[in-house]
Amino acid sequence: MKQNQTRILSLLLAAAMLLTLLAACAKTPASEAQTADHSVTVTDMMGRTVTLDAPATRVVALSAADCEVLFAVGAGDTLVGRGEYCDYPAEVLDVPSVQSGYETDIEGIIALAPQVLLMSTMAQTEEQVQQLEDAGIRVVVSDAQDIAGVCQSVRMIGALMGKETEAEQVVADMQGSLDELRRQASELPGGTVYFEVSPLQWGLWAAGKGTFMNEVAELLGLENIFADVDGWAEVSEEQVIERNPDYIVTISMYFGEGPTPEEEILSRTGWENITAVQNGAVLDMPNNELSRPVPRIADGARMLFEFVRDRQAADDAA
């Protein structure tokens, strides 16, 4: 009886969370507009108002997420430069790369003559922003920290590029996919999950509350074992072992040598009594399906749902 009550409560919480998500992603009174003279005004995710004479046709995007969104709304052909970590979709690798982060290549960006530089809030300094704007480049800041933020960034970039209709379709498709997954996941018994965003080799980090990984877990009726910590947090092996997740998700890349990320986790000393390890319930997502604030979060949510569903079906059949 207690287990059924807990399951019902988790489903109610997941449904409430989805309603909050859909409300947050619902189109609000426009913060961006294209006037009769074709000028475009947007409010970026730092609250800065940016106006262009016309939709942008030459863009440099320093973050991998912004590169993805540009392609998602059909504006990939406007990209004249990218941050060195932009790697999706594959055709973005044909675009010249520039150094980003604390050593952002300001001169290299200016040489590419973009109208707009898309950047996140992570590393560039106010002085660097001022240098770029002094060179006539409009700096637009994105800062998606959750799924609602993804919707906002898609709409903002869509408005900059004159792709509002396409952006709305991207948001609608993502919302529809997540809604359907929530419905399907209501048939599953749930469980606990650990999102490992940095492997043991480099020091364990996990996704906590306020992250899109945690949102996806809630949407699927799963309990994130680190939902009591804020954001992306450093954790210990002892904490993971004590909290004993039913499922483990890693985002480590595999370069073809040595154990795969799944094999490495399954072979860790002291982890052999973790339920996920005992059941081999370790899922690797090396292509940023759940670790990047982009519409592909819906794809990552689908992958996790199918993994949990298939594991639970196998357990029921055993």
C-alpha atoms as a PDB file:
ATOM      1  CA  MET A   1       0.000   0.000   0.000  1.00  0.00           C
ATOM      2  CA  LYS A   2       2.785   2.429   0.937  1.00  0.00           C
ATOM      3  CA  GLN A   3       4.569   1.732  -2.375  1.00  0.00           C
ATOM      4  CA  ASN A   4       1.359   2.440  -4.338  1.00  0.00           C
ATOM      5  CA  GLN A   5       0.819   5.696  -2.428  1.00  0.00           C
ATOM      6  CA  THR A   6       4.395   6.749  -3.149  1.00  0.00           C
ATOM      7  CA  ARG A   7       3.972   5.929  -6.839  1.00  0.00           C
ATOM      8  CA  ILE A   8       0.713   7.891  -7.073  1.00  0.00           C
ATOM      9  CA  LEU A   9       2.339  10.872  -5.366  1.00  0.00           C
ATOM     10  CA  SER A  10       5.293  10.758  -7.769  1.00  0.00           C
ATOM     11  CA  LEU A  11       2.945  10.703 -10.771  1.00  0.00           C
ATOM     12  CA  LEU A  12       1.005  13.672  -9.428  1.00  0.00           C
ATOM     13  CA  LEU A  13       4.252  15.571  -8.909  1.00  0.00           C
ATOM     14  CA  ALA A  14       5.397  14.691 -12.438  1.00  0.00           C
ATOM     15  CA  ALA A  15       2.110  15.894 -13.886  1.00  0.00           C
ATOM     16  CA  ALA A  16       2.315  19.137 -11.927  1.00  0.00           C
ATOM     17  CA  MET A  17       5.880  19.639 -13.078  1.00  0.00           C
ATOM     18  CA  LEU A  18       4.862  19.128 -16.713  1.00  0.00           C
ATOM     19  CA  LEU A  19       2.048  21.650 -16.407  1.00  0.00           C
ATOM     20  CA  THR A  20       4.550  24.131 -14.991  1.00  0.00           C
ATOM     21  CA  LEU A  21       6.918  23.371 -17.877  1.00  0.00           C
ATOM     22  CA  LEU A  22       4.243  23.820 -20.507  1.00  0.00           C
ATOM     23  CA  ALA A  23       3.121  27.076 -18.918  1.00  0.00           C
ATOM     24  CA  ALA A  24       6.708  28.307 -18.864  1.00  0.00           C
ATOM     25  CA  CYS A  25       7.213  27.326 -22.496  1.00  0.00           C
ATOM     26  CA  ALA A  26       3.877  28.761 -23.610  1.00  0.00           C
ATOM     27  CA  LYS A  27       4.215  31.811 -25.796  1.00  0.00           C
ATOM     28  CA  THR A  28       4.148  34.944 -23.665  1.00  0.00           C
ATOM     29  CA  PRO A  29       3.658  38.580 -24.713  1.00  0.00           C
ATOM     30  CA  ALA A  30       6.413  39.087 -27.231  1.00  0.00           C
ATOM     31  CA  SER A  31       9.741  40.373 -25.996  1.00  0.00           C
ATOM     32  CA  GLU A  32      10.912  40.378 -29.581  1.00  0.00           C
ATOM     33  CA  ALA A  33       9.337  41.990 -32.605  1.00  0.00           C
ATOM     34  CA  GLN A  34       9.966  42.531 -36.289  1.00  0.00           C
ATOM     35  CA  THR A  35       8.607  45.865 -37.451  1.00  0.00           C
ATOM     36  CA  ALA A  36       7.398  47.000 -40.858  1.00  0.00           C
ATOM     37  CA  ASP A  37      10.879  48.330 -41.673  1.00  0.00           C
ATOM     38  CA  HIS A  38      12.269  44.808 -41.076  1.00  0.00           C
ATOM     39  CA  SER A  39      14.208  45.783 -37.954  1.00  0.00           C
ATOM     40  CA  VAL A  40      14.346  43.197 -35.168  1.00  0.00           C
ATOM     41  CA  THR A  41      14.378  43.821 -31.423  1.00  0.00           C
ATOM     42  CA  VAL A  42      14.975  41.051 -28.882  1.00  0.00           C
ATOM     43  CA  THR A  43      15.485  40.909 -25.159  1.00  0.00           C
ATOM     44  CA  ASP A  44      18.317  38.500 -24.457  1.00  0.00           C
ATOM     45  CA  MET A  45      18.506  36.188 -21.452  1.00  0.00           C
ATOM     46  CA  MET A  46      20.372  38.764 -19.395  1.00  0.00           C
ATOM     47  CA  GLY A  47      17.581  41.280 -19.929  1.00  0.00           C
ATOM     48  CA  ARG A  48      19.564  43.309 -22.494  1.00  0.00           C
ATOM     49  CA  THR A  49      17.647  44.841 -25.401  1.00  0.00           C
ATOM     50  CA  VAL A  50      19.281  44.281 -28.777  1.00  0.00           C
ATOM     51  CA  THR A  51      18.039  45.819 -32.033  1.00  0.00           C
ATOM     52  CA  LEU A  52      19.110  44.910 -35.579  1.00  0.00           C
ATOM     53  CA  ASP A  53      18.176  46.715 -38.784  1.00  0.00           C
ATOM     54  CA  ALA A  54      17.088  43.349 -40.230  1.00  0.00           C
ATOM     55  CA  PRO A  55      17.255  39.657 -39.314  1.00  0.00           C
ATOM     56  CA  ALA A  56      20.876  38.535 -38.929  1.00  0.00           C
ATOM     57  CA  THR A  57      22.636  36.891 -41.859  1.00  0.00           C
ATOM     58  CA  ARG A  58      26.144  36.530 -40.363  1.00  0.00           C
ATOM     59  CA  VAL A  59      26.465  34.992 -36.907  1.00  0.00           C
ATOM     60  CA  VAL A  60      29.227  33.662 -34.661  1.00  0.00           C
ATOM     61  CA  ALA A  61      27.986  31.320 -31.902  1.00  0.00           C
ATOM     62  CA  LEU A  62      30.417  30.471 -29.122  1.00  0.00           C
ATOM     63  CA  SER A  63      28.338  27.880 -27.261  1.00  0.00           C
ATOM     64  CA  ALA A  64      27.504  24.444 -28.595  1.00  0.00           C
ATOM     65  CA  ALA A  65      23.870  24.921 -27.566  1.00  0.00           C
ATOM     66  CA  ASP A  66      23.461  28.103 -29.591  1.00  0.00           C
ATOM     67  CA  CYS A  67      24.990  26.432 -32.650  1.00  0.00           C
ATOM     68  CA  GLU A  68      22.461  23.611 -32.344  1.00  0.00           C
ATOM     69  CA  VAL A  69      19.548  25.995 -31.990  1.00  0.00           C
ATOM     70  CA  LEU A  70      20.607  27.943 -35.084  1.00  0.00           C
ATOM     71  CA  PHE A  71      20.466  24.746 -37.136  1.00  0.00           C
ATOM     72  CA  ALA A  72      17.232  23.640 -35.452  1.00  0.00           C
ATOM     73  CA  VAL A  73      15.403  26.798 -36.571  1.00  0.00           C
ATOM     74  CA  GLY A  74      16.802  26.556 -40.094  1.00  0.00           C
ATOM     75  CA  ALA A  75      19.451  29.260 -39.824  1.00  0.00           C
ATOM     76  CA  GLY A  76      22.602  27.142 -39.879  1.00  0.00           C
ATOM     77  CA  ASP A  77      23.691  28.731 -43.132  1.00  0.00           C
ATOM     78  CA  THR A  78      24.166  32.069 -41.363  1.00  0.00           C
ATOM     79  CA  LEU A  79      26.901  30.679 -39.110  1.00  0.00           C
ATOM     80  CA  VAL A  80      30.294  32.126 -40.074  1.00  0.00           C
ATOM     81  CA  GLY A  81      32.145  31.116 -36.911  1.00  0.00           C
ATOM     82  CA  ARG A  82      31.719  28.772 -33.964  1.00  0.00           C
ATOM     83  CA  GLY A  83      33.207  28.076 -30.563  1.00  0.00           C
ATOM     84  CA  GLU A  84      35.682  25.207 -30.594  1.00  0.00           C
ATOM     85  CA  TYR A  85      33.315  22.886 -28.690  1.00  0.00           C
ATOM     86  CA  CYS A  86      30.419  23.240 -31.152  1.00  0.00           C
ATOM     87  CA  ASP A  87      30.047  19.767 -32.668  1.00  0.00           C
ATOM     88  CA  TYR A  88      26.396  19.179 -33.599  1.00  0.00           C
ATOM     89  CA  PRO A  89      25.041  18.740 -36.196  1.00  0.00           C
ATOM     90  CA  ALA A  90      27.989  17.322 -38.128  1.00  0.00           C
ATOM     91  CA  GLU A  91      27.969  20.106 -40.736  1.00  0.00           C
ATOM     92  CA  VAL A  92      28.873  22.657 -38.053  1.00  0.00           C
ATOM     93  CA  LEU A  93      32.395  21.226 -38.121  1.00  0.00           C
ATOM     94  CA  ASP A  94      32.842  22.789 -41.561  1.00  0.00           C
ATOM     95  CA  VAL A  95      32.460  26.261 -40.018  1.00  0.00           C
ATOM     96  CA  PRO A  96      35.667  28.046 -38.882  1.00  0.00           C
ATOM     97  CA  SER A  97      36.225  27.753 -35.129  1.00  0.00           C
ATOM     98  CA  VAL A  98      37.410  30.426 -32.708  1.00  0.00           C
ATOM     99  CA  GLN A  99      38.721  30.197 -29.169  1.00  0.00           C
ATOM    100  CA  SER A 100      36.050  30.840 -26.549  1.00  0.00           C
ATOM    101  CA  GLY A 101      36.060  30.916 -22.755  1.00  0.00           C
ATOM    102  CA  TYR A 102      38.411  33.116 -20.760  1.00  0.00           C
ATOM    103  CA  GLU A 103      40.787  33.363 -23.722  1.00  0.00           C
ATOM    104  CA  THR A 104      38.140  34.242 -26.283  1.00  0.00           C
ATOM    105  CA  ASP A 105      39.717  35.186 -29.608  1.00  0.00           C
ATOM    106  CA  ILE A 106      38.278  38.669 -29.941  1.00  0.00           C
ATOM    107  CA  GLU A 107      40.373  39.537 -33.000  1.00  0.00           C
ATOM    108  CA  GLY A 108      39.407  36.301 -34.715  1.00  0.00           C
ATOM    109  CA  ILE A 109      35.715  36.973 -34.129  1.00  0.00           C
ATOM    110  CA  ILE A 110      35.974  40.527 -35.458  1.00  0.00           C
ATOM    111  CA  ALA A 111      37.807  39.248 -38.547  1.00  0.00           C
ATOM    112  CA  LEU A 112      34.797  37.038 -39.373  1.00  0.00           C
ATOM    113  CA  ALA A 113      32.657  40.195 -39.612  1.00  0.00           C
ATOM    114  CA  PRO A 114      29.502  38.858 -37.934  1.00  0.00           C
ATOM    115  CA  GLN A 115      26.519  41.075 -37.247  1.00  0.00           C
ATOM    116  CA  VAL A 116      25.742  39.081 -34.096  1.00  0.00           C
ATOM    117  CA  LEU A 117      27.759  37.120 -31.563  1.00  0.00           C
ATOM    118  CA  LEU A 118      25.766  34.557 -29.580  1.00  0.00           C
ATOM    119  CA  MET A 119      27.396  33.680 -26.264  1.00  0.00           C
ATOM    120  CA  SER A 120      26.529  32.205 -22.896  1.00  0.00           C
ATOM    121  CA  THR A 121      27.148  33.739 -19.483  1.00  0.00           C
ATOM    122  CA  MET A 122      29.853  31.269 -18.547  1.00  0.00           C
ATOM    123  CA  ALA A 123      33.185  32.860 -19.365  1.00  0.00           C
ATOM    124  CA  GLN A 124      33.316  36.009 -21.461  1.00  0.00           C
ATOM    125  CA  THR A 125      34.072  39.183 -19.509  1.00  0.00           C
ATOM    126  CA  GLU A 126      32.332  42.546 -19.679  1.00  0.00           C
ATOM    127  CA  GLU A 127      35.505  43.968 -21.203  1.00  0.00           C
ATOM    128  CA  GLN A 128      35.404  41.395 -23.998  1.00  0.00           C
ATOM    129  CA  VAL A 129      31.745  42.157 -24.674  1.00  0.00           C
ATOM    130  CA  GLN A 130      32.547  45.854 -24.854  1.00  0.00           C
ATOM    131  CA  GLN A 131      35.379  45.217 -27.327  1.00  0.00           C
ATOM    132  CA  LEU A 132      33.025  43.336 -29.606  1.00  0.00           C
ATOM    133  CA  GLU A 133      30.275  45.916 -29.419  1.00  0.00           C
ATOM    134  CA  ASP A 134      32.784  48.696 -30.062  1.00  0.00           C
ATOM    135  CA  ALA A 135      33.594  46.824 -33.288  1.00  0.00           C
ATOM    136  CA  GLY A 136      29.923  47.006 -34.320  1.00  0.00           C
ATOM    137  CA  ILE A 137      29.041  43.415 -33.364  1.00  0.00           C
ATOM    138  CA  ARG A 138      25.805  42.983 -31.418  1.00  0.00           C
ATOM    139  CA  VAL A 139      26.305  40.592 -28.515  1.00  0.00           C
ATOM    140  CA  VAL A 140      23.297  38.457 -27.564  1.00  0.00           C
ATOM    141  CA  VAL A 141      23.455  36.364 -24.393  1.00  0.00           C
ATOM    142  CA  SER A 142      21.725  33.004 -23.933  1.00  0.00           C
ATOM    143  CA  ASP A 143      21.499  31.346 -20.534  1.00  0.00           C
ATOM    144  CA  ALA A 144      19.189  28.314 -20.632  1.00  0.00           C
ATOM    145  CA  GLN A 145      19.368  26.508 -17.301  1.00  0.00           C
ATOM    146  CA  ASP A 146      16.185  24.459 -17.598  1.00  0.00           C
ATOM    147  CA  ILE A 147      13.681  23.283 -20.197  1.00  0.00           C
ATOM    148  CA  ALA A 148      11.728  26.534 -20.016  1.00  0.00           C
ATOM    149  CA  GLY A 149      15.020  28.294 -20.745  1.00  0.00           C
ATOM    150  CA  VAL A 150      15.479  26.131 -23.830  1.00  0.00           C
ATOM    151  CA  CYS A 151      12.103  27.329 -25.102  1.00  0.00           C
ATOM    152  CA  GLN A 152      13.119  30.916 -24.428  1.00  0.00           C
ATOM    153  CA  SER A 153      16.486  30.594 -26.177  1.00  0.00           C
ATOM    154  CA  VAL A 154      14.904  28.932 -29.238  1.00  0.00           C
ATOM    155  CA  ARG A 155      12.379  31.751 -29.562  1.00  0.00           C
ATOM    156  CA  MET A 156      15.012  34.441 -29.006  1.00  0.00           C
ATOM    157  CA  ILE A 157      17.360  33.036 -31.640  1.00  0.00           C
ATOM    158  CA  GLY A 158      14.457  32.417 -33.993  1.00  0.00           C
ATOM    159  CA  ALA A 159      13.455  36.082 -33.698  1.00  0.00           C
ATOM    160  CA  LEU A 160      17.029  37.256 -34.348  1.00  0.00           C
ATOM    161  CA  MET A 161      17.129  35.239 -37.547  1.00  0.00           C
ATOM    162  CA  GLY A 162      13.637  36.072 -38.785  1.00  0.00           C
ATOM    163  CA  LYS A 163      12.653  32.448 -38.120  1.00  0.00           C
ATOM    164  CA  GLU A 164       9.850  32.939 -35.595  1.00  0.00           C
ATOM    165  CA  THR A 165       7.536  30.394 -37.244  1.00  0.00           C
ATOM    166  CA  GLU A 166      10.252  27.761 -37.380  1.00  0.00           C
ATOM    167  CA  ALA A 167      11.195  28.435 -33.761  1.00  0.00           C
ATOM    168  CA  GLU A 168       7.601  27.982 -32.613  1.00  0.00           C
ATOM    169  CA  GLN A 169       7.458  24.653 -34.441  1.00  0.00           C
ATOM    170  CA  VAL A 170      10.672  23.497 -32.734  1.00  0.00           C
ATOM    171  CA  VAL A 171       9.223  24.397 -29.329  1.00  0.00           C
ATOM    172  CA  ALA A 172       5.894  22.722 -30.140  1.00  0.00           C
ATOM    173  CA  ASP A 173       7.617  19.526 -31.281  1.00  0.00           C
ATOM    174  CA  MET A 174       9.706  19.379 -28.113  1.00  0.00           C
ATOM    175  CA  GLN A 175       6.697  20.025 -25.905  1.00  0.00           C
ATOM    176  CA  GLY A 176       4.646  17.393 -27.737  1.00  0.00           C
ATOM    177  CA  SER A 177       7.368  14.776 -27.359  1.00  0.00           C
ATOM    178  CA  LEU A 178       7.782  15.478 -23.643  1.00  0.00           C
ATOM    179  CA  ASP A 179       4.032  15.406 -23.086  1.00  0.00           C
ATOM    180  CA  GLU A 180       3.749  12.025 -24.787  1.00  0.00           C
ATOM    181  CA  LEU A 181       6.656  10.643 -22.774  1.00  0.00           C
ATOM    182  CA  ARG A 182       5.063  11.784 -19.542  1.00  0.00           C
ATOM    183  CA  ARG A 183       1.885   9.950 -20.507  1.00  0.00           C
ATOM    184  CA  GLN A 184       3.731   6.765 -21.419  1.00  0.00           C
ATOM    185  CA  ALA A 185       5.929   6.888 -18.316  1.00  0.00           C
ATOM    186  CA  SER A 186       2.851   6.965 -16.073  1.00  0.00           C
ATOM    187  CA  GLU A 187       2.544   3.237 -16.772  1.00  0.00           C
ATOM    188  CA  LEU A 188       5.984   2.486 -15.306  1.00  0.00           C
ATOM    189  CA  PRO A 189       6.704   1.792 -11.616  1.00  0.00           C
ATOM    190  CA  GLY A 190       9.423   4.448 -11.384  1.00  0.00           C
ATOM    191  CA  GLY A 191      12.739   4.092  -9.566  1.00  0.00           C
ATOM    192  CA  THR A 192      15.789   6.160  -8.669  1.00  0.00           C
ATOM    193  CA  VAL A 193      18.439   7.515 -11.040  1.00  0.00           C
ATOM    194  CA  TYR A 194      21.945   8.945 -10.740  1.00  0.00           C
ATOM    195  CA  PHE A 195      23.136  11.328 -13.457  1.00  0.00           C
ATOM    196  CA  GLU A 196      26.941  11.218 -13.621  1.00  0.00           C
ATOM    197  CA  VAL A 197      28.129  14.281 -15.553  1.00  0.00           C
ATOM    198  CA  SER A 198      31.819  13.840 -14.734  1.00  0.00           C
ATOM    199  CA  PRO A 199      33.382  10.371 -14.395  1.00  0.00           C
ATOM    200  CA  LEU A 200      35.393   9.045 -11.480  1.00  0.00           C
ATOM    201  CA  GLN A 201      38.648   9.696 -13.345  1.00  0.00           C
ATOM    202  CA  TRP A 202      38.080  13.457 -13.217  1.00  0.00           C
ATOM    203  CA  GLY A 203      36.132  13.612  -9.958  1.00  0.00           C
ATOM    204  CA  LEU A 204      32.455  12.745  -9.678  1.00  0.00           C
ATOM    205  CA  TRP A 205      29.910  15.436 -10.497  1.00  0.00           C
ATOM    206  CA  ALA A 206      26.157  14.886 -10.590  1.00  0.00           C
ATOM    207  CA  ALA A 207      23.069  16.710 -11.840  1.00  0.00           C
ATOM    208  CA  GLY A 208      20.916  18.042  -9.011  1.00  0.00           C
ATOM    209  CA  LYS A 209      17.739  20.075  -8.773  1.00  0.00           C
ATOM    210  CA  GLY A 210      17.341  23.021 -11.103  1.00  0.00           C
ATOM    211  CA  THR A 211      18.888  21.113 -14.024  1.00  0.00           C
ATOM    212  CA  PHE A 212      17.170  19.810 -17.129  1.00  0.00           C
ATOM    213  CA  MET A 213      18.326  16.287 -16.236  1.00  0.00           C
ATOM    214  CA  ASN A 214      16.405  16.520 -12.974  1.00  0.00           C
ATOM    215  CA  GLU A 215      13.364  17.850 -14.840  1.00  0.00           C
ATOM    216  CA  VAL A 216      13.481  14.904 -17.220  1.00  0.00           C
ATOM    217  CA  ALA A 217      13.744  12.461 -14.300  1.00  0.00           C
ATOM    218  CA  GLU A 218      10.629  13.971 -12.713  1.00  0.00           C
ATOM    219  CA  LEU A 219       8.779  13.940 -16.013  1.00  0.00           C
ATOM    220  CA  LEU A 220       9.485  10.204 -16.347  1.00  0.00           C
ATOM    221  CA  GLY A 221       8.415   9.455 -12.778  1.00  0.00           C
ATOM    222  CA  LEU A 222      11.995   8.815 -11.634  1.00  0.00           C
ATOM    223  CA  GLU A 223      13.611  10.152  -8.480  1.00  0.00           C
ATOM    224  CA  ASN A 224      17.014  11.805  -8.913  1.00  0.00           C
ATOM    225  CA  ILE A 225      19.154  10.618  -5.995  1.00  0.00           C
ATOM    226  CA  PHE A 226      20.795  14.058  -5.855  1.00  0.00           C
ATOM    227  CA  ALA A 227      17.613  16.120  -6.110  1.00  0.00           C
ATOM    228  CA  ASP A 228      18.553  17.604  -2.731  1.00  0.00           C
ATOM    229  CA  VAL A 229      21.609  19.417  -4.133  1.00  0.00           C
ATOM    230  CA  ASP A 230      21.584  22.529  -6.283  1.00  0.00           C
ATOM    231  CA  GLY A 231      22.577  22.486  -9.940  1.00  0.00           C
ATOM    232  CA  TRP A 232      25.673  20.614 -11.051  1.00  0.00           C
ATOM    233  CA  ALA A 233      27.449  19.440  -7.893  1.00  0.00           C
ATOM    234  CA  GLU A 234      30.551  17.531  -6.896  1.00  0.00           C
ATOM    235  CA  VAL A 235      29.665  14.314  -5.081  1.00  0.00           C
ATOM    236  CA  SER A 236      31.516  11.380  -3.536  1.00  0.00           C
ATOM    237  CA  GLU A 237      31.546   7.674  -4.250  1.00  0.00           C
ATOM    238  CA  GLU A 238      30.263   7.096  -0.745  1.00  0.00           C
ATOM    239  CA  GLN A 239      27.202   9.245  -1.427  1.00  0.00           C
ATOM    240  CA  VAL A 240      26.372   7.352  -4.616  1.00  0.00           C
ATOM    241  CA  ILE A 241      26.819   3.984  -2.904  1.00  0.00           C
ATOM    242  CA  GLU A 242      24.695   5.021   0.069  1.00  0.00           C
ATOM    243  CA  ARG A 243      21.888   6.391  -2.115  1.00  0.00           C
ATOM    244  CA  ASN A 244      21.912   3.193  -4.201  1.00  0.00           C
ATOM    245  CA  PRO A 245      20.345   4.217  -7.546  1.00  0.00           C
ATOM    246  CA  ASP A 246      18.265   1.823  -9.630  1.00  0.00           C
ATOM    247  CA  TYR A 247      19.637   3.411 -12.828  1.00  0.00           C
ATOM    248  CA  ILE A 248      22.835   5.243 -13.713  1.00  0.00           C
ATOM    249  CA  VAL A 249      23.158   7.650 -16.634  1.00  0.00           C
ATOM    250  CA  THR A 250      26.624   8.743 -17.762  1.00  0.00           C
ATOM    251  CA  ILE A 251      27.553  11.204 -20.498  1.00  0.00           C
ATOM    252  CA  SER A 252      31.172  10.063 -20.919  1.00  0.00           C
ATOM    253  CA  MET A 253      32.590   9.764 -24.404  1.00  0.00           C
ATOM    254  CA  TYR A 254      34.261   6.578 -25.620  1.00  0.00           C
ATOM    255  CA  PHE A 255      37.284   6.865 -27.897  1.00  0.00           C
ATOM    256  CA  GLY A 256      37.591   3.206 -28.870  1.00  0.00           C
ATOM    257  CA  GLU A 257      40.247   2.078 -26.411  1.00  0.00           C
ATOM    258  CA  GLY A 258      39.927   0.499 -22.982  1.00  0.00           C
ATOM    259  CA  PRO A 259      36.641  -0.184 -21.196  1.00  0.00           C
ATOM    260  CA  THR A 260      33.511   1.585 -22.370  1.00  0.00           C
ATOM    261  CA  PRO A 261      31.949   4.091 -19.945  1.00  0.00           C
ATOM    262  CA  GLU A 262      29.353   1.486 -18.951  1.00  0.00           C
ATOM    263  CA  GLU A 263      32.030  -1.161 -18.360  1.00  0.00           C
ATOM    264  CA  GLU A 264      34.108   1.247 -16.273  1.00  0.00           C
ATOM    265  CA  ILE A 265      31.169   2.019 -13.973  1.00  0.00           C
ATOM    266  CA  LEU A 266      30.187  -1.644 -13.668  1.00  0.00           C
ATOM    267  CA  SER A 267      33.746  -2.564 -12.641  1.00  0.00           C
ATOM    268  CA  ARG A 268      34.269   0.094  -9.964  1.00  0.00           C
ATOM    269  CA  THR A 269      35.516  -1.277  -6.673  1.00  0.00           C
ATOM    270  CA  GLY A 270      32.914  -0.884  -3.954  1.00  0.00           C
ATOM    271  CA  TRP A 271      30.035  -0.273  -6.367  1.00  0.00           C
ATOM    272  CA  GLU A 272      29.133  -3.935  -6.802  1.00  0.00           C
ATOM    273  CA  ASN A 273      26.168  -3.765  -4.394  1.00  0.00           C
ATOM    274  CA  ILE A 274      24.519  -0.781  -6.070  1.00  0.00           C
ATOM    275  CA  THR A 275      21.243  -1.940  -7.610  1.00  0.00           C
ATOM    276  CA  ALA A 276      22.016  -0.373 -10.997  1.00  0.00           C
ATOM    277  CA  VAL A 277      25.388  -2.126 -11.110  1.00  0.00           C
ATOM    278  CA  GLN A 278      23.972  -5.476 -10.048  1.00  0.00           C
ATOM    279  CA  ASN A 279      21.357  -5.229 -12.821  1.00  0.00           C
ATOM    280  CA  GLY A 280      23.666  -3.737 -15.438  1.00  0.00           C
ATOM    281  CA  ALA A 281      21.320  -0.753 -15.631  1.00  0.00           C
ATOM    282  CA  VAL A 282      23.879   1.804 -16.852  1.00  0.00           C
ATOM    283  CA  LEU A 283      23.057   4.042 -19.827  1.00  0.00           C
ATOM    284  CA  ASP A 284      25.683   6.096 -21.668  1.00  0.00           C
ATOM    285  CA  MET A 285      24.570   9.220 -23.559  1.00  0.00           C
ATOM    286  CA  PRO A 286      27.823  10.448 -25.146  1.00  0.00           C
ATOM    287  CA  ASN A 287      26.248  12.831 -27.659  1.00  0.00           C
ATOM    288  CA  ASN A 288      24.869  15.435 -25.217  1.00  0.00           C
ATOM    289  CA  GLU A 289      21.277  14.309 -25.605  1.00  0.00           C
ATOM    290  CA  LEU A 290      20.570  15.226 -21.978  1.00  0.00           C
ATOM    291  CA  SER A 291      23.544  17.391 -21.051  1.00  0.00           C
ATOM    292  CA  ARG A 292      23.031  20.338 -23.401  1.00  0.00           C
ATOM    293  CA  PRO A 293      20.145  22.860 -23.200  1.00  0.00           C
ATOM    294  CA  VAL A 294      18.771  22.257 -26.691  1.00  0.00           C
ATOM    295  CA  PRO A 295      15.609  20.745 -28.217  1.00  0.00           C
ATOM    296  CA  ARG A 296      17.368  17.349 -28.372  1.00  0.00           C
ATOM    297  CA  ILE A 297      16.557  17.060 -24.664  1.00  0.00           C
ATOM    298  CA  ALA A 298      13.348  15.427 -25.891  1.00  0.00           C
ATOM    299  CA  ASP A 299      15.467  12.807 -27.688  1.00  0.00           C
ATOM    300  CA  GLY A 300      17.461  12.181 -24.523  1.00  0.00           C
ATOM    301  CA  ALA A 301      14.275  11.853 -22.502  1.00  0.00           C
ATOM    302  CA  ARG A 302      13.029   9.288 -25.024  1.00  0.00           C
ATOM    303  CA  MET A 303      16.284   7.322 -24.755  1.00  0.00           C
ATOM    304  CA  LEU A 304      16.072   7.250 -20.958  1.00  0.00           C
ATOM    305  CA  PHE A 305      12.405   6.280 -21.018  1.00  0.00           C
ATOM    306  CA  GLU A 306      13.032   3.389 -23.419  1.00  0.00           C
ATOM    307  CA  PHE A 307      16.017   2.230 -21.364  1.00  0.00           C
ATOM    308  CA  VAL A 308      13.974   2.167 -18.139  1.00  0.00           C
ATOM    309  CA  ARG A 309      10.961   0.590 -19.851  1.00  0.00           C
ATOM    310  CA  ASP A 310      13.039  -2.190 -21.412  1.00  0.00           C
ATOM    311  CA  ARG A 311      14.924  -2.875 -18.169  1.00  0.00           C
ATOM    312  CA  GLN A 312      11.720  -3.114 -16.201  1.00  0.00           C
ATOM    313  CA  ALA A 313      10.161  -5.371 -18.822  1.00  0.00           C
ATOM    314  CA  ALA A 314      13.194  -7.674 -18.606  1.00  0.00           C
ATOM    315  CA  ASP A 315      12.928  -7.752 -14.812  1.00  0.00           C
ATOM    316  CA  ASP A 316       9.224  -8.613 -15.017  1.00  0.00           C
ATOM    317  CA  ALA A 317       9.972 -11.429 -17.446  1.00  0.00           C
ATOM    318  CA  ALA A 318      12.755 -12.906 -15.300  1.00  0.00           C
END
